[in-house]
Protein backbone atom coordinates (compact mmCIF):
# COMPACT_ATOMS: atom_id res chain seq x y z
CA MET A 1 -2.04 32.08 -17.56
CA ASP A 2 -3.17 33.61 -20.82
CA ILE A 3 -4.02 30.89 -23.35
CA THR A 4 -1.86 32.53 -26.04
CA ALA A 5 1.17 32.42 -23.73
CA VAL A 6 0.52 28.75 -22.95
CA LYS A 7 0.33 27.91 -26.64
CA CYS A 8 3.61 29.74 -27.26
CA ILE A 9 5.30 27.76 -24.47
CA VAL A 10 3.98 24.52 -25.95
CA LEU A 11 5.24 25.62 -29.37
CA VAL A 12 8.81 26.02 -28.10
CA ALA A 13 8.62 22.80 -26.05
CA CYS A 14 7.50 20.78 -29.08
CA LEU A 15 10.44 22.10 -31.08
CA PHE A 16 13.08 21.15 -28.50
CA VAL A 17 11.57 17.77 -27.53
CA THR A 18 11.33 16.53 -31.10
CA MET A 19 14.79 17.86 -31.98
CA ILE A 20 16.43 16.06 -29.06
CA PHE A 21 14.75 12.72 -29.77
CA SER A 22 15.28 12.90 -33.53
CA LEU A 23 19.05 13.47 -33.07
CA MET A 24 19.54 10.64 -30.57
CA PRO A 25 20.03 7.99 -33.33
CA LEU A 26 22.87 10.10 -34.78
CA LYS A 27 24.79 9.71 -31.54
CA LEU A 28 23.97 6.00 -31.44
CA MET A 29 25.16 5.45 -35.00
CA ALA A 30 28.32 7.52 -34.43
CA GLU A 31 29.29 5.26 -31.51
CA TYR A 32 28.59 2.18 -33.63
CA ARG A 33 30.81 3.37 -36.49
CA THR A 34 33.72 4.37 -34.24
CA THR A 35 33.70 1.12 -32.25
CA ARG A 36 36.38 -1.33 -33.39
CA ASP A 37 35.56 -4.08 -30.90
CA LEU A 38 33.77 -6.75 -32.94
CA THR A 39 31.70 -7.87 -29.95
CA LYS A 40 30.47 -4.34 -29.27
CA ARG A 41 29.76 -3.79 -32.97
CA ALA A 42 27.68 -6.96 -33.05
CA LYS A 43 25.68 -5.79 -30.02
CA PHE A 44 25.22 -2.34 -31.52
CA SER A 45 24.04 -3.91 -34.78
CA GLN A 46 21.52 -6.10 -32.95
CA PHE A 47 20.26 -3.14 -30.93
CA ILE A 48 19.84 -0.99 -34.05
CA GLY A 49 17.93 -3.83 -35.72
CA LEU A 50 15.59 -4.08 -32.75
CA MET A 51 15.07 -0.30 -32.71
CA SER A 52 14.28 -0.37 -36.43
CA CYS A 53 11.58 -2.95 -35.78
CA PHE A 54 10.32 -0.80 -32.91
CA ALA A 55 10.12 2.10 -35.39
CA GLY A 56 8.23 -0.14 -37.82
CA GLY A 57 5.63 -0.85 -35.14
CA VAL A 58 5.37 2.88 -34.39
CA PHE A 59 4.84 3.76 -38.06
CA MET A 60 2.31 0.95 -38.48
CA ALA A 61 0.20 2.09 -35.54
CA THR A 62 0.49 5.77 -36.51
CA GLY A 63 -0.76 5.08 -40.01
CA LEU A 64 -3.54 2.63 -39.23
CA LEU A 65 -4.76 3.76 -35.80
CA ASP A 66 -4.02 7.49 -35.81
CA LEU A 67 -4.09 8.79 -39.38
CA PHE A 68 -6.71 6.54 -40.95
CA PRO A 69 -9.49 7.32 -38.42
CA GLU A 70 -8.78 11.03 -38.94
CA VAL A 71 -9.10 10.54 -42.69
CA LEU A 72 -12.49 8.86 -42.25
CA GLU A 73 -13.69 11.57 -39.89
CA ASN A 74 -12.55 14.58 -41.91
CA VAL A 75 -13.56 13.28 -45.33
CA THR A 76 -17.00 12.23 -44.07
CA LYS A 77 -17.48 15.55 -42.29
CA GLY A 78 -16.26 17.56 -45.28
CA LEU A 79 -18.56 15.78 -47.73
CA SER A 80 -21.47 16.19 -45.33
CA MET A 81 -20.82 19.93 -44.97
CA LEU A 82 -20.74 20.22 -48.77
CA HIS A 83 -23.98 18.20 -49.00
CA ILE A 84 -22.33 15.51 -51.13
CA LYS A 85 -23.78 12.02 -50.76
CA THR A 86 -21.98 9.00 -52.22
CA THR A 87 -21.55 5.30 -51.50
CA PHE A 88 -18.05 5.30 -53.01
CA PRO A 89 -15.35 4.62 -50.35
CA VAL A 90 -13.67 8.01 -50.76
CA SER A 91 -11.47 7.79 -47.65
CA GLU A 92 -10.13 4.35 -48.51
CA PHE A 93 -9.53 5.45 -52.11
CA ILE A 94 -7.42 8.41 -50.97
CA VAL A 95 -5.27 6.18 -48.76
CA VAL A 96 -4.71 3.64 -51.55
CA PHE A 97 -3.99 6.49 -53.98
CA GLY A 98 -1.27 7.75 -51.62
CA PHE A 99 0.16 4.24 -51.39
CA LEU A 100 0.18 3.76 -55.18
CA PHE A 101 1.62 7.23 -55.73
CA VAL A 102 4.69 6.26 -53.67
CA VAL A 103 4.98 2.95 -55.55
CA VAL A 104 4.91 4.67 -58.96
CA LEU A 105 7.27 7.46 -57.87
CA GLU A 106 9.83 5.06 -56.46
CA GLN A 107 9.77 2.79 -59.51
CA ILE A 108 10.26 5.79 -61.80
CA VAL A 109 13.31 6.88 -59.80
CA LEU A 110 14.69 3.32 -59.83
CA ASP A 111 14.16 3.00 -63.58
CA CYS A 112 15.90 6.33 -64.23
CA LYS A 113 18.80 5.28 -62.00
CA GLN A 114 19.29 2.06 -63.95
CA SER A 115 18.94 3.73 -67.35
CA ASP A 116 21.64 6.25 -66.40
CA GLN A 117 24.13 3.43 -65.81
CA PRO A 118 24.50 1.60 -69.17
CA ILE A 119 26.37 -1.69 -69.10
CA SER A 120 29.22 -2.04 -71.60
CA HIS A 121 29.96 -5.48 -73.05
CA GLU A 122 33.10 -4.47 -74.97
CA VAL A 123 36.36 -6.17 -73.95
CA PRO A 124 39.60 -4.19 -74.55
CA ARG A 125 42.23 -5.78 -76.75
CA GLY A 126 45.23 -7.31 -75.03
CA ASP A 127 46.49 -10.59 -73.84
CA LEU A 128 44.22 -13.22 -72.33
CA GLU A 129 45.08 -12.43 -68.71
CA GLN A 130 44.28 -8.74 -69.12
CA SER A 131 40.99 -9.57 -70.85
CA THR A 132 40.04 -11.93 -68.05
CA GLU A 133 40.78 -9.27 -65.44
CA VAL A 134 38.70 -6.74 -67.34
CA LEU A 135 35.77 -9.17 -67.54
CA GLU A 136 35.97 -9.93 -63.85
CA ASP A 137 36.12 -6.22 -63.00
CA GLY A 138 33.17 -5.62 -65.31
CA GLU A 139 31.13 -8.32 -63.62
CA ARG A 140 31.87 -6.84 -60.23
CA SER A 141 30.92 -3.40 -61.56
CA ILE A 142 27.66 -4.73 -63.00
CA GLY A 143 26.84 -6.44 -59.72
CA SER A 144 27.44 -3.23 -57.80
CA ASP A 145 25.32 -1.25 -60.25
CA ILE A 146 22.41 -3.62 -59.75
CA GLN A 147 22.72 -3.43 -55.97
CA ASP A 148 23.08 0.34 -55.73
CA PRO A 149 19.45 1.25 -56.48
CA THR A 150 18.07 -1.10 -53.85
CA GLU A 151 20.67 -0.23 -51.23
CA HIS A 152 20.86 3.53 -51.72
CA VAL A 153 18.14 4.99 -53.92
CA HIS A 154 15.25 3.22 -52.24
CA PRO A 155 16.09 4.09 -48.63
CA SER A 156 16.80 7.73 -49.55
CA LEU A 157 13.58 8.22 -51.47
CA ARG A 158 11.54 6.42 -48.84
CA SER A 159 13.13 8.46 -46.08
CA VAL A 160 12.33 11.72 -47.88
CA LEU A 161 8.73 10.62 -48.38
CA LEU A 162 8.54 9.55 -44.74
CA VAL A 163 9.78 12.97 -43.61
CA ALA A 164 7.14 14.60 -45.82
CA ALA A 165 4.34 12.41 -44.43
CA LEU A 166 5.41 12.88 -40.82
CA SER A 167 5.81 16.63 -41.31
CA LEU A 168 2.32 16.89 -42.74
CA HIS A 169 0.94 14.88 -39.83
CA SER A 170 2.83 17.08 -37.35
CA VAL A 171 1.43 20.25 -38.90
CA LEU A 172 -2.10 18.94 -38.49
CA GLU A 173 -1.37 17.86 -34.90
CA GLY A 174 -0.09 21.36 -34.21
CA VAL A 175 -3.23 22.84 -35.73
CA ALA A 176 -5.31 20.74 -33.31
CA ILE A 177 -3.37 22.24 -30.38
CA GLY A 178 -3.69 25.77 -31.73
CA LEU A 179 -7.46 25.41 -32.02
CA GLN A 180 -8.02 24.49 -28.36
CA PRO A 181 -10.24 27.02 -26.55
CA SER A 182 -8.97 26.58 -22.97
CA VAL A 183 -5.68 26.28 -21.10
CA ASP A 184 -6.60 22.88 -19.62
CA SER A 185 -7.35 21.35 -23.02
CA VAL A 186 -4.12 22.79 -24.46
CA VAL A 187 -2.03 21.25 -21.67
CA GLN A 188 -3.76 17.86 -21.86
CA ILE A 189 -3.55 17.49 -25.62
CA SER A 190 -0.01 18.91 -25.76
CA ALA A 191 1.25 16.32 -23.28
CA ALA A 192 -0.15 13.45 -25.38
CA VAL A 193 1.07 14.98 -28.65
CA MET A 194 4.63 15.57 -27.34
CA LEU A 195 4.85 12.00 -26.05
CA HIS A 196 3.64 10.76 -29.42
CA LYS A 197 6.07 13.01 -31.31
CA ALA A 198 9.02 11.99 -29.12
CA VAL A 199 8.53 8.33 -30.08
CA ILE A 200 8.02 9.17 -33.76
CA ALA A 201 10.99 11.58 -33.80
CA PHE A 202 13.33 8.86 -32.51
CA SER A 203 11.94 6.39 -35.05
CA LEU A 204 12.36 8.89 -37.88
CA GLY A 205 15.92 9.69 -36.86
CA LEU A 206 16.76 6.00 -36.82
CA ASN A 207 15.31 5.60 -40.31
CA LEU A 208 17.31 8.55 -41.61
CA VAL A 209 20.70 7.44 -40.24
CA GLN A 210 20.24 4.06 -41.96
CA SER A 211 19.51 5.66 -45.33
CA ALA A 212 21.95 6.89 -47.97
CA LEU A 213 21.37 10.52 -46.95
CA GLY A 214 24.39 12.53 -45.85
CA LEU A 215 24.77 14.16 -42.45
CA THR A 216 23.69 17.57 -43.74
CA ALA A 217 20.57 16.12 -45.35
CA ILE A 218 19.72 14.21 -42.16
CA LEU A 219 20.05 17.35 -40.03
CA GLN A 220 17.94 19.33 -42.49
CA SER A 221 15.27 16.61 -42.50
CA CYS A 222 15.17 16.55 -38.70
CA LEU A 223 14.92 20.35 -38.59
CA VAL A 224 12.05 20.32 -41.09
CA PHE A 225 10.16 17.70 -39.11
CA CYS A 226 10.77 19.40 -35.76
CA SER A 227 9.60 22.79 -37.02
CA THR A 228 6.32 21.56 -38.51
CA SER A 229 4.43 21.11 -35.25
CA PRO A 230 5.20 24.64 -34.03
CA ILE A 231 4.15 25.92 -37.46
CA GLY A 232 0.91 23.95 -37.11
CA ILE A 233 0.26 25.47 -33.68
CA GLY A 234 0.66 28.94 -35.18
CA LEU A 235 -1.66 28.09 -38.06
CA GLY A 236 -4.19 26.69 -35.60
CA MET A 237 -4.15 29.93 -33.62
CA LEU A 238 -4.80 31.87 -36.83
CA ALA A 239 -7.49 29.43 -37.96
CA ASP A 240 -9.20 29.80 -34.60
CA GLU A 241 -9.78 33.43 -35.47
CA MET A 242 -10.97 32.67 -39.02
CA GLY A 243 -13.24 29.66 -38.43
CA HIS A 244 -13.62 26.40 -40.37
CA THR A 245 -14.84 25.89 -43.92
CA PRO A 246 -16.04 22.66 -45.58
CA GLN A 247 -13.20 22.92 -48.10
CA SER A 248 -10.53 23.12 -45.37
CA VAL A 249 -11.98 20.12 -43.53
CA LEU A 250 -12.06 18.05 -46.74
CA LEU A 251 -8.53 19.15 -47.69
CA ASN A 252 -7.36 18.08 -44.23
CA GLY A 253 -8.80 14.61 -44.82
CA VAL A 254 -7.23 14.32 -48.27
CA LEU A 255 -3.77 15.28 -47.03
CA GLN A 256 -4.06 12.91 -44.07
CA GLY A 257 -5.07 10.13 -46.46
CA LEU A 258 -2.03 10.67 -48.69
CA ALA A 259 0.20 10.67 -45.62
CA CYS A 260 -1.44 7.46 -44.39
CA GLY A 261 -0.71 5.72 -47.70
CA THR A 262 2.93 6.76 -47.40
CA PHE A 263 3.12 5.36 -43.86
CA ILE A 264 1.73 2.02 -45.01
CA TYR A 265 4.20 1.77 -47.88
CA VAL A 266 7.29 2.71 -45.86
CA THR A 267 6.32 0.33 -43.04
CA PHE A 268 5.52 -2.77 -45.07
CA PHE A 269 7.91 -2.29 -48.01
CA GLU A 270 11.01 -0.85 -46.37
CA VAL A 271 11.32 -1.07 -42.59
CA LEU A 272 9.85 -4.47 -41.74
CA PRO A 273 11.00 -6.48 -44.81
CA ARG A 274 14.57 -5.25 -44.38
CA GLU A 275 14.79 -6.35 -40.76
CA LEU A 276 12.64 -9.50 -40.73
CA SER A 277 14.11 -11.08 -43.87
CA ASN A 278 17.73 -11.48 -42.67
CA GLY A 279 16.95 -14.34 -40.26
CA ILE A 280 18.70 -12.73 -37.26
CA GLN A 281 16.83 -12.33 -33.93
CA ARG A 282 13.48 -13.09 -35.50
CA LEU A 283 11.43 -13.40 -32.31
CA PRO A 284 13.03 -10.41 -30.51
CA LYS A 285 12.38 -8.29 -33.60
CA VAL A 286 8.75 -9.36 -33.71
CA LEU A 287 8.51 -8.43 -30.04
CA ALA A 288 10.06 -5.03 -30.81
CA VAL A 289 7.41 -4.45 -33.50
CA LEU A 290 4.67 -5.29 -31.02
CA ILE A 291 6.18 -2.96 -28.39
CA GLY A 292 6.37 -0.07 -30.86
CA PHE A 293 2.79 -0.70 -31.91
CA SER A 294 1.70 -0.90 -28.25
CA VAL A 295 3.42 2.37 -27.32
CA VAL A 296 1.42 4.29 -29.92
CA CYS A 297 -1.73 2.46 -28.82
CA GLY A 298 -1.08 3.59 -25.27
CA VAL A 299 -0.54 7.21 -26.34
CA LEU A 300 -3.74 7.18 -28.38
CA PHE A 301 -5.62 5.68 -25.44
CA LEU A 302 -4.39 8.44 -23.15
CA ASP A 303 -4.99 11.21 -25.71
CA PRO A 304 -8.10 13.12 -24.56
CA GLY A 305 -8.62 14.39 -28.12
């Protein structure tokens, strides 16, 4: 077959595979919310917790074993092509910068959320019983205001950042497929990439359905993520005709580094702490993390690229 036709087939396959796996958690969560049997709800809750830990292992391995080596390779290659010599750890700095950028951004959003919800200490006039009821209602309102940012704002912001990081990574994976010179290499790399993306798509979907995002926002996020790899394949096919420049290689490394920092933050500040701190199914959850980590390790081991 013509290599362009093969790449187009892979493009469509990537879109449908990632869409199917990213929407699976929506079906799972819908069944959980419509189940009234307390026993079934408890089992669903335990299963979702285990899958969240599995997703944490996937994100951990993707950031540390997949993205970070690419950052080192591209930044080193880009600097070498530009004839820039330095002993400063540029790659590590970019990753940490991406991590700190997410920290600062999230804290700014949290601070703005709290500042937009001023707490009133005034008690309306009336008899003692009415005043007591008002104070109790006010305390409950204050308590809910304090909990809202951590329960809703954080997961939403982190999920949006995770979608952005995964989308960027998917574009670059697609570019790698689009740059392949032969049909055999396209098929081999595409098989590994689609297996990798299927696991990540399910993990992303699970993260999204547990956030404060609405159904429309979740579907839009899944669509954005699923479309990025086909876009990357198209860009890779165009880049194959234009060639590589030192600036593009270095920019690739910088973007991968920022995405890697986001992966690290979301994994160790949102997914794993939320699941491992509640004291339920500790050992099974640890095992789920290890399985998720091992799955990505296996995909990377099989990846001929």
